[in-house]
């Protein structure tokens, strides 16, 4: 009985409780979106690039603040930023995007090429891969599921194995702590929004399952701003 209990603990601690499949569900990504992404890179990071491929160093976990898969997908699918995103409209026309979207039952969808730059985290897009999770609430309430915890842990392992230069694992609500690192590229000091997603508990649960990967968590410093 003790051996069985130990095996169960190991399985759930390290994220092997389920075999996951990554399903391709592409958002619109024509040459127009590529061109707008290049413009974003130039305007915000001061880089003139030939393409939008990245060498990821960071994995950022998010929630969509939308309750269903299809509604979440429809917000990410268009190439142009939606009209209700007035908070970030001045920063560029390209729509927000993330590399993966995880449904509430743990089903994983790949939305765009993993090595293309998405628009999901201010200051860190050029160095990071984004994982969105269906659900979440704007009032800091955490409602993501256990299946999403397991799926995110699986994705973190998959990405670290595929891109060994990845160093950091962070939640969107922790991104401001990266301002003093070499990976923060944002040139506009006023372009910043506070985030709640995906919450401390969700991050703790995922980190527990990938502890052996030794990924770094952001650290709050007194002069982060």
C-alpha atoms as a PDB file:
ATOM      1  CA  UNK A   1       0.000   0.000   0.000  1.00  0.00           C
ATOM      2  CA  UNK A   2       2.848   2.410   0.837  1.00  0.00           C
ATOM      3  CA  UNK A   3       4.476   1.667  -2.535  1.00  0.00           C
ATOM      4  CA  UNK A   4       1.236   2.395  -4.395  1.00  0.00           C
ATOM      5  CA  UNK A   5       0.809   5.654  -2.493  1.00  0.00           C
ATOM      6  CA  UNK A   6       4.377   6.663  -3.318  1.00  0.00           C
ATOM      7  CA  UNK A   7       3.859   5.949  -7.014  1.00  0.00           C
ATOM      8  CA  UNK A   8       0.678   8.022  -7.047  1.00  0.00           C
ATOM      9  CA  UNK A   9       2.544  10.899  -5.371  1.00  0.00           C
ATOM     10  CA  UNK A  10       5.376  10.733  -7.901  1.00  0.00           C
ATOM     11  CA  UNK A  11       2.975  10.578 -10.870  1.00  0.00           C
ATOM     12  CA  UNK A  12       1.012  13.632  -9.796  1.00  0.00           C
ATOM     13  CA  UNK A  13       4.044  15.561  -8.555  1.00  0.00           C
ATOM     14  CA  UNK A  14       5.860  15.309 -11.861  1.00  0.00           C
ATOM     15  CA  UNK A  15       2.929  15.573 -14.243  1.00  0.00           C
ATOM     16  CA  UNK A  16       2.805  12.091 -15.743  1.00  0.00           C
ATOM     17  CA  UNK A  17      -0.766  11.329 -14.741  1.00  0.00           C
ATOM     18  CA  UNK A  18      -2.040  11.501 -18.311  1.00  0.00           C
ATOM     19  CA  UNK A  19      -0.778  11.232 -21.858  1.00  0.00           C
ATOM     20  CA  UNK A  20      -1.525  14.471 -23.662  1.00  0.00           C
ATOM     21  CA  UNK A  21      -1.848  15.148 -27.369  1.00  0.00           C
ATOM     22  CA  UNK A  22      -1.209  18.569 -28.902  1.00  0.00           C
ATOM     23  CA  UNK A  23      -3.912  19.417 -31.432  1.00  0.00           C
ATOM     24  CA  UNK A  24      -3.227  22.033 -34.095  1.00  0.00           C
ATOM     25  CA  UNK A  25      -5.944  24.710 -34.195  1.00  0.00           C
ATOM     26  CA  UNK A  26      -4.288  27.609 -36.042  1.00  0.00           C
ATOM     27  CA  UNK A  27      -5.269  31.222 -35.633  1.00  0.00           C
ATOM     28  CA  UNK A  28      -5.108  33.506 -38.676  1.00  0.00           C
ATOM     29  CA  UNK A  29      -1.437  34.098 -39.416  1.00  0.00           C
ATOM     30  CA  UNK A  30      -0.979  35.472 -42.914  1.00  0.00           C
ATOM     31  CA  UNK A  31       1.911  37.603 -44.127  1.00  0.00           C
ATOM     32  CA  UNK A  32      -0.056  40.590 -42.884  1.00  0.00           C
ATOM     33  CA  UNK A  33       0.151  39.375 -39.284  1.00  0.00           C
ATOM     34  CA  UNK A  34       3.845  38.644 -39.787  1.00  0.00           C
ATOM     35  CA  UNK A  35       4.390  42.211 -41.070  1.00  0.00           C
ATOM     36  CA  UNK A  36       2.479  43.727 -38.146  1.00  0.00           C
ATOM     37  CA  UNK A  37       4.532  41.605 -35.750  1.00  0.00           C
ATOM     38  CA  UNK A  38       7.739  42.895 -37.346  1.00  0.00           C
ATOM     39  CA  UNK A  39       6.456  46.438 -36.846  1.00  0.00           C
ATOM     40  CA  UNK A  40       5.742  45.646 -33.199  1.00  0.00           C
ATOM     41  CA  UNK A  41       9.266  44.285 -32.751  1.00  0.00           C
ATOM     42  CA  UNK A  42      10.783  47.388 -34.322  1.00  0.00           C
ATOM     43  CA  UNK A  43       8.637  49.884 -32.422  1.00  0.00           C
ATOM     44  CA  UNK A  44       8.822  48.246 -28.998  1.00  0.00           C
ATOM     45  CA  UNK A  45      12.166  46.460 -29.009  1.00  0.00           C
ATOM     46  CA  UNK A  46      14.187  48.524 -31.479  1.00  0.00           C
ATOM     47  CA  UNK A  47      15.028  45.522 -33.635  1.00  0.00           C
ATOM     48  CA  UNK A  48      14.878  45.303 -37.428  1.00  0.00           C
ATOM     49  CA  UNK A  49      14.253  41.616 -38.084  1.00  0.00           C
ATOM     50  CA  UNK A  50      14.003  39.562 -41.287  1.00  0.00           C
ATOM     51  CA  UNK A  51      11.506  37.167 -39.733  1.00  0.00           C
ATOM     52  CA  UNK A  52       9.632  36.736 -36.456  1.00  0.00           C
ATOM     53  CA  UNK A  53      11.284  33.569 -35.184  1.00  0.00           C
ATOM     54  CA  UNK A  54      12.463  33.617 -31.579  1.00  0.00           C
ATOM     55  CA  UNK A  55      14.852  31.672 -29.354  1.00  0.00           C
ATOM     56  CA  UNK A  56      12.595  31.200 -26.300  1.00  0.00           C
ATOM     57  CA  UNK A  57      14.001  31.655 -22.813  1.00  0.00           C
ATOM     58  CA  UNK A  58      10.716  32.016 -20.905  1.00  0.00           C
ATOM     59  CA  UNK A  59       7.388  30.210 -20.614  1.00  0.00           C
ATOM     60  CA  UNK A  60       4.478  32.445 -19.554  1.00  0.00           C
ATOM     61  CA  UNK A  61       1.190  30.965 -18.303  1.00  0.00           C
ATOM     62  CA  UNK A  62      -2.053  32.942 -18.718  1.00  0.00           C
ATOM     63  CA  UNK A  63      -5.799  32.675 -18.414  1.00  0.00           C
ATOM     64  CA  UNK A  64      -8.188  33.998 -21.052  1.00  0.00           C
ATOM     65  CA  UNK A  65     -10.817  35.448 -18.664  1.00  0.00           C
ATOM     66  CA  UNK A  66     -13.326  33.877 -21.078  1.00  0.00           C
ATOM     67  CA  UNK A  67     -15.312  30.770 -19.995  1.00  0.00           C
ATOM     68  CA  UNK A  68     -15.323  28.654 -23.176  1.00  0.00           C
ATOM     69  CA  UNK A  69     -12.807  27.308 -25.657  1.00  0.00           C
ATOM     70  CA  UNK A  70     -14.452  28.697 -28.775  1.00  0.00           C
ATOM     71  CA  UNK A  71     -14.988  32.165 -27.313  1.00  0.00           C
ATOM     72  CA  UNK A  72     -11.351  32.220 -26.186  1.00  0.00           C
ATOM     73  CA  UNK A  73     -10.187  31.064 -29.610  1.00  0.00           C
ATOM     74  CA  UNK A  74     -12.277  33.679 -31.407  1.00  0.00           C
ATOM     75  CA  UNK A  75     -10.558  36.441 -29.460  1.00  0.00           C
ATOM     76  CA  UNK A  76      -7.114  35.222 -30.523  1.00  0.00           C
ATOM     77  CA  UNK A  77      -7.913  34.192 -34.089  1.00  0.00           C
ATOM     78  CA  UNK A  78      -8.195  37.576 -35.907  1.00  0.00           C
ATOM     79  CA  UNK A  79      -5.049  39.288 -37.099  1.00  0.00           C
ATOM     80  CA  UNK A  80      -6.130  42.779 -36.041  1.00  0.00           C
ATOM     81  CA  UNK A  81      -6.465  43.766 -32.392  1.00  0.00           C
ATOM     82  CA  UNK A  82     -10.094  43.685 -31.245  1.00  0.00           C
ATOM     83  CA  UNK A  83     -11.777  47.043 -30.751  1.00  0.00           C
ATOM     84  CA  UNK A  84     -12.462  46.412 -27.048  1.00  0.00           C
ATOM     85  CA  UNK A  85      -8.733  46.258 -26.246  1.00  0.00           C
ATOM     86  CA  UNK A  86      -8.414  49.997 -25.788  1.00  0.00           C
ATOM     87  CA  UNK A  87      -5.901  49.430 -22.979  1.00  0.00           C
ATOM     88  CA  UNK A  88      -3.226  48.317 -25.450  1.00  0.00           C
ATOM     89  CA  UNK A  89      -4.516  49.680 -28.776  1.00  0.00           C
ATOM     90  CA  UNK A  90      -1.937  52.478 -28.971  1.00  0.00           C
ATOM     91  CA  UNK A  91       0.883  49.935 -28.751  1.00  0.00           C
ATOM     92  CA  UNK A  92       0.177  48.279 -32.092  1.00  0.00           C
ATOM     93  CA  UNK A  93      -2.433  46.933 -34.490  1.00  0.00           C
ATOM     94  CA  UNK A  94      -1.488  43.255 -34.347  1.00  0.00           C
ATOM     95  CA  UNK A  95      -3.890  41.167 -32.267  1.00  0.00           C
ATOM     96  CA  UNK A  96      -2.875  39.429 -29.063  1.00  0.00           C
ATOM     97  CA  UNK A  97      -1.832  35.820 -29.550  1.00  0.00           C
ATOM     98  CA  UNK A  98      -0.495  32.854 -27.678  1.00  0.00           C
ATOM     99  CA  UNK A  99       1.243  29.714 -28.825  1.00  0.00           C
ATOM    100  CA  UNK A 100      -1.032  27.309 -26.953  1.00  0.00           C
ATOM    101  CA  UNK A 101      -4.582  27.262 -25.593  1.00  0.00           C
ATOM    102  CA  UNK A 102      -5.577  24.728 -22.919  1.00  0.00           C
ATOM    103  CA  UNK A 103      -9.263  23.901 -22.504  1.00  0.00           C
ATOM    104  CA  UNK A 104     -10.809  23.252 -19.121  1.00  0.00           C
ATOM    105  CA  UNK A 105     -10.683  19.482 -19.619  1.00  0.00           C
ATOM    106  CA  UNK A 106      -6.931  19.688 -20.257  1.00  0.00           C
ATOM    107  CA  UNK A 107      -7.085  19.399 -24.053  1.00  0.00           C
ATOM    108  CA  UNK A 108      -4.123  21.237 -25.563  1.00  0.00           C
ATOM    109  CA  UNK A 109      -4.344  23.249 -28.769  1.00  0.00           C
ATOM    110  CA  UNK A 110      -1.389  24.738 -30.642  1.00  0.00           C
ATOM    111  CA  UNK A 111      -2.485  28.034 -32.177  1.00  0.00           C
ATOM    112  CA  UNK A 112       0.643  29.191 -34.005  1.00  0.00           C
ATOM    113  CA  UNK A 113       4.222  28.097 -34.718  1.00  0.00           C
ATOM    114  CA  UNK A 114       6.059  27.678 -31.435  1.00  0.00           C
ATOM    115  CA  UNK A 115       9.056  29.675 -32.628  1.00  0.00           C
ATOM    116  CA  UNK A 116       7.061  32.666 -33.937  1.00  0.00           C
ATOM    117  CA  UNK A 117       6.734  35.706 -31.713  1.00  0.00           C
ATOM    118  CA  UNK A 118       3.264  36.175 -30.268  1.00  0.00           C
ATOM    119  CA  UNK A 119       1.809  39.189 -28.495  1.00  0.00           C
ATOM    120  CA  UNK A 120       0.963  37.980 -25.015  1.00  0.00           C
ATOM    121  CA  UNK A 121       3.326  39.566 -22.457  1.00  0.00           C
ATOM    122  CA  UNK A 122       4.527  43.168 -22.541  1.00  0.00           C
ATOM    123  CA  UNK A 123       8.301  43.448 -22.674  1.00  0.00           C
ATOM    124  CA  UNK A 124       8.939  39.724 -22.999  1.00  0.00           C
ATOM    125  CA  UNK A 125       7.275  38.634 -26.237  1.00  0.00           C
ATOM    126  CA  UNK A 126      10.547  38.306 -28.144  1.00  0.00           C
ATOM    127  CA  UNK A 127      11.887  35.829 -25.580  1.00  0.00           C
ATOM    128  CA  UNK A 128       8.835  33.840 -24.542  1.00  0.00           C
ATOM    129  CA  UNK A 129       6.266  31.187 -25.364  1.00  0.00           C
ATOM    130  CA  UNK A 130       2.727  31.847 -24.124  1.00  0.00           C
ATOM    131  CA  UNK A 131       0.226  29.298 -22.844  1.00  0.00           C
ATOM    132  CA  UNK A 132      -3.372  30.490 -22.431  1.00  0.00           C
ATOM    133  CA  UNK A 133      -5.866  28.626 -20.243  1.00  0.00           C
ATOM    134  CA  UNK A 134      -9.624  28.847 -20.825  1.00  0.00           C
ATOM    135  CA  UNK A 135     -11.287  30.492 -17.835  1.00  0.00           C
ATOM    136  CA  UNK A 136     -10.150  32.773 -15.059  1.00  0.00           C
ATOM    137  CA  UNK A 137     -11.776  35.845 -13.592  1.00  0.00           C
ATOM    138  CA  UNK A 138     -10.702  39.453 -13.539  1.00  0.00           C
ATOM    139  CA  UNK A 139     -11.290  39.788  -9.789  1.00  0.00           C
ATOM    140  CA  UNK A 140      -8.288  37.584  -8.916  1.00  0.00           C
ATOM    141  CA  UNK A 141     -10.528  34.560  -8.328  1.00  0.00           C
ATOM    142  CA  UNK A 142      -8.782  31.416  -9.504  1.00  0.00           C
ATOM    143  CA  UNK A 143     -11.049  28.913 -11.230  1.00  0.00           C
ATOM    144  CA  UNK A 144      -8.652  26.974 -13.465  1.00  0.00           C
ATOM    145  CA  UNK A 145      -8.975  23.203 -13.250  1.00  0.00           C
ATOM    146  CA  UNK A 146      -6.786  20.333 -12.106  1.00  0.00           C
ATOM    147  CA  UNK A 147      -6.780  19.050 -15.687  1.00  0.00           C
ATOM    148  CA  UNK A 148      -5.313  22.374 -16.798  1.00  0.00           C
ATOM    149  CA  UNK A 149      -2.609  22.106 -14.136  1.00  0.00           C
ATOM    150  CA  UNK A 150      -1.594  18.701 -15.494  1.00  0.00           C
ATOM    151  CA  UNK A 151      -1.737  19.877 -19.113  1.00  0.00           C
ATOM    152  CA  UNK A 152       0.394  22.932 -18.381  1.00  0.00           C
ATOM    153  CA  UNK A 153       2.968  20.803 -16.586  1.00  0.00           C
ATOM    154  CA  UNK A 154       3.064  18.518 -19.624  1.00  0.00           C
ATOM    155  CA  UNK A 155       3.546  21.481 -21.956  1.00  0.00           C
ATOM    156  CA  UNK A 156       6.326  22.941 -19.818  1.00  0.00           C
ATOM    157  CA  UNK A 157       8.166  19.610 -19.994  1.00  0.00           C
ATOM    158  CA  UNK A 158       7.573  19.339 -23.724  1.00  0.00           C
ATOM    159  CA  UNK A 159       8.859  22.859 -24.366  1.00  0.00           C
ATOM    160  CA  UNK A 160      11.896  22.595 -22.110  1.00  0.00           C
ATOM    161  CA  UNK A 161      12.879  19.359 -23.856  1.00  0.00           C
ATOM    162  CA  UNK A 162      12.421  20.925 -27.306  1.00  0.00           C
ATOM    163  CA  UNK A 163      13.962  24.313 -26.439  1.00  0.00           C
ATOM    164  CA  UNK A 164      16.664  23.625 -23.832  1.00  0.00           C
ATOM    165  CA  UNK A 165      17.614  27.317 -23.597  1.00  0.00           C
ATOM    166  CA  UNK A 166      14.375  28.017 -21.715  1.00  0.00           C
ATOM    167  CA  UNK A 167      15.284  29.295 -18.240  1.00  0.00           C
ATOM    168  CA  UNK A 168      12.169  30.850 -16.691  1.00  0.00           C
ATOM    169  CA  UNK A 169       8.651  29.676 -15.864  1.00  0.00           C
ATOM    170  CA  UNK A 170       6.309  32.468 -14.827  1.00  0.00           C
ATOM    171  CA  UNK A 171       2.706  33.546 -14.553  1.00  0.00           C
ATOM    172  CA  UNK A 172       1.468  36.597 -16.422  1.00  0.00           C
ATOM    173  CA  UNK A 173       0.847  38.290 -13.075  1.00  0.00           C
ATOM    174  CA  UNK A 174       4.571  37.945 -12.321  1.00  0.00           C
ATOM    175  CA  UNK A 175       5.892  39.512 -15.509  1.00  0.00           C
ATOM    176  CA  UNK A 176       6.636  42.932 -13.985  1.00  0.00           C
ATOM    177  CA  UNK A 177       9.339  41.259 -11.891  1.00  0.00           C
ATOM    178  CA  UNK A 178      11.326  40.712 -15.089  1.00  0.00           C
ATOM    179  CA  UNK A 179      11.859  44.421 -15.777  1.00  0.00           C
ATOM    180  CA  UNK A 180      15.444  44.423 -14.547  1.00  0.00           C
ATOM    181  CA  UNK A 181      16.485  41.275 -16.417  1.00  0.00           C
ATOM    182  CA  UNK A 182      18.253  41.143 -19.772  1.00  0.00           C
ATOM    183  CA  UNK A 183      15.127  39.677 -21.349  1.00  0.00           C
ATOM    184  CA  UNK A 184      12.976  42.791 -20.830  1.00  0.00           C
ATOM    185  CA  UNK A 185      13.106  44.667 -24.161  1.00  0.00           C
ATOM    186  CA  UNK A 186      10.223  47.153 -23.955  1.00  0.00           C
ATOM    187  CA  UNK A 187      11.385  50.674 -24.857  1.00  0.00           C
ATOM    188  CA  UNK A 188       8.269  52.543 -23.695  1.00  0.00           C
ATOM    189  CA  UNK A 189       8.388  52.926 -19.887  1.00  0.00           C
ATOM    190  CA  UNK A 190       4.672  53.795 -19.828  1.00  0.00           C
ATOM    191  CA  UNK A 191       3.511  50.663 -21.640  1.00  0.00           C
ATOM    192  CA  UNK A 192       2.537  48.464 -18.737  1.00  0.00           C
ATOM    193  CA  UNK A 193      -0.608  46.794 -17.385  1.00  0.00           C
ATOM    194  CA  UNK A 194      -1.121  44.932 -14.107  1.00  0.00           C
ATOM    195  CA  UNK A 195      -2.340  41.332 -14.451  1.00  0.00           C
ATOM    196  CA  UNK A 196      -3.926  38.745 -12.128  1.00  0.00           C
ATOM    197  CA  UNK A 197      -3.585  35.634 -14.245  1.00  0.00           C
ATOM    198  CA  UNK A 198      -3.181  32.764 -13.734  1.00  0.00           C
ATOM    199  CA  UNK A 199      -2.733  33.250  -9.981  1.00  0.00           C
ATOM    200  CA  UNK A 200      -0.300  32.108  -7.307  1.00  0.00           C
ATOM    201  CA  UNK A 201      -2.011  28.799  -6.570  1.00  0.00           C
ATOM    202  CA  UNK A 202      -2.044  27.691 -10.196  1.00  0.00           C
ATOM    203  CA  UNK A 203       1.626  28.593 -10.590  1.00  0.00           C
ATOM    204  CA  UNK A 204       2.536  26.752  -7.389  1.00  0.00           C
ATOM    205  CA  UNK A 205       0.701  23.631  -8.558  1.00  0.00           C
ATOM    206  CA  UNK A 206       2.406  23.635 -11.965  1.00  0.00           C
ATOM    207  CA  UNK A 207       5.829  24.408 -10.511  1.00  0.00           C
ATOM    208  CA  UNK A 208       5.507  21.519  -8.072  1.00  0.00           C
ATOM    209  CA  UNK A 209       5.056  19.137 -10.988  1.00  0.00           C
ATOM    210  CA  UNK A 210       8.085  20.402 -12.924  1.00  0.00           C
ATOM    211  CA  UNK A 211      10.388  21.107 -10.003  1.00  0.00           C
ATOM    212  CA  UNK A 212      13.037  18.768 -11.372  1.00  0.00           C
ATOM    213  CA  UNK A 213      13.470  20.997 -14.456  1.00  0.00           C
ATOM    214  CA  UNK A 214      14.953  23.730 -12.225  1.00  0.00           C
ATOM    215  CA  UNK A 215      13.234  26.547 -14.085  1.00  0.00           C
ATOM    216  CA  UNK A 216      13.691  29.978 -12.528  1.00  0.00           C
ATOM    217  CA  UNK A 217      10.805  31.981 -11.048  1.00  0.00           C
ATOM    218  CA  UNK A 218      10.882  35.799 -11.250  1.00  0.00           C
ATOM    219  CA  UNK A 219      12.083  37.579  -8.127  1.00  0.00           C
ATOM    220  CA  UNK A 220      10.639  40.860  -6.893  1.00  0.00           C
ATOM    221  CA  UNK A 221      13.222  43.622  -6.436  1.00  0.00           C
ATOM    222  CA  UNK A 222      12.776  47.032  -4.803  1.00  0.00           C
ATOM    223  CA  UNK A 223      13.586  48.882  -8.040  1.00  0.00           C
ATOM    224  CA  UNK A 224      11.537  46.723 -10.426  1.00  0.00           C
ATOM    225  CA  UNK A 225       9.796  49.793 -11.899  1.00  0.00           C
END
